Amino acid sequence: MPVRRIVIGIGVSLISICAAGANAFALETQKAREIMDGILMQNGISATETSAENSNGAVTFTYDGVRLDLSGYSTARELALEDVRVTLSDTDIANQVDIDIALPERGKMLADATSDQRELTMRKALGSLRWNYINGTAVNFTGAADFLIGDEPITRKHWLMNGLVIRWLPDEARISWQAAEWTGPNREKRGAVKSTSFLLYPGENGETHLDYAHDGLWLPSLLQPRTVRIKSSSTGLPWLEAKPVIEKGFNDMLTGLAPRAARRQIANELWQKAADNGAPVKIDEIYVEGRGLEALGKGEFIAQQAARYGFAGQLDLDLIGRERLQDLIGTPQSPTLLGALVPFAVDGLAAGEPGKQGMTNYDVELLRDGRIVVNGVTVFSAASGS
């Protein structure tokens, strides 16, 4: 999804410059400059200092010609920015400094292929970081932008994201945005969403929670999951084990790793820890709504090395609007054209059992061998692909 590139537009430069406070115990201009030069070199960033100002113990640098290689994409890409401003200031906590970053309104993603290039517009793209310069670690980080826009210069492919927030605190990791859209060539609309939120945090007993939600999703397809809410947790994945994985993923993403690659890295490492610990991941709540359909459910899954898809588990789901979905995909005896393409969905829908207040109940099992069983009926076998 083109929207995923948006995180690079603001984040990739933030942490790379944020790290400037490492090892600083005095904020004289020359000392701060040495720190900045070392951190930029360490992260492979080239930049030219154009000004430095020391005011009331806070040192502000301005950089032009900022260049940072981006990784995790299929082709080589580079972020290019001018007029990047970084301010270092002391705090009332020993060994910690605050760093504020202001990115320019215009930037570029450079690439050999024109289709990979982007003209970036960043309105009030700001970042703030509390940095422990003795340990060389971030205590917290927040990045935000009123809006971000990326335009491919020839075909005019376009993405836009309002109200981006990236927050990394000791007991919370959050990415959220508002009113995003993405297009194909000549601004042909390919998708839009009113709001999206990812939130990772610890529970009362030290377990890890993951909440995801989006609202107002539009896609050029018959099925529209316009609203989705998922609340999940795992006692087998303690926050103390998950936190370093999440922090590393955020740090890698904000220092140049493509968001898609960073997400895969975090997911793979968390899955590995869950599989090693052997405890279930609980779906405390899942809610889906779209075009006259509503579904509410809960369940639990176990990450397993031997499972065909990496997980085995069960989900209880109550569906309102079965008739609307049946109109789209049909029945096993009379599938529509769409239903003929996804016969397991047709069989699964037909396996529903009457529930309360006009609902249809589905007990869905994902078995280790890849079979999907709905209310005791096998609707999909991984071996046959149907």
Foldseek 3Di string as FASTA:
>chain_A
DVVLQQCCVQQQPVVLQQLLCAPDPAQDPVSSVVSNVVSCVVLVWDWDWDDWDADPRKIKTWTAFTKAWFDADPFTKIKHFHGKMKIWHPDPDPQKIKIKIWGDQWIKIDGPDLQPIWTKGFARWMKMWIARNVVSDTQKMKTWTQKMKIARPPQGWIKMWGTWIFIGHPFKTKTKTAWIFTADGPRHGAKTFGMWMWMWGADPVQKIKIWIWTAQIDGPDPWDQRIKIWIKIWPLQGCVNLSVLVRVLSSSCSNRYRSVVSVVSSVVVSLVSQQVSFTKMWGPWIWTDDDQKIKIKIWIWGQHPQAPVRIWIKMKMKMGPLVVVCVQANALVDGDPVVVVPVLVRVQSVLWDDDPPRITIWIWTQDRQGFIATNNRTSAGPVVGD
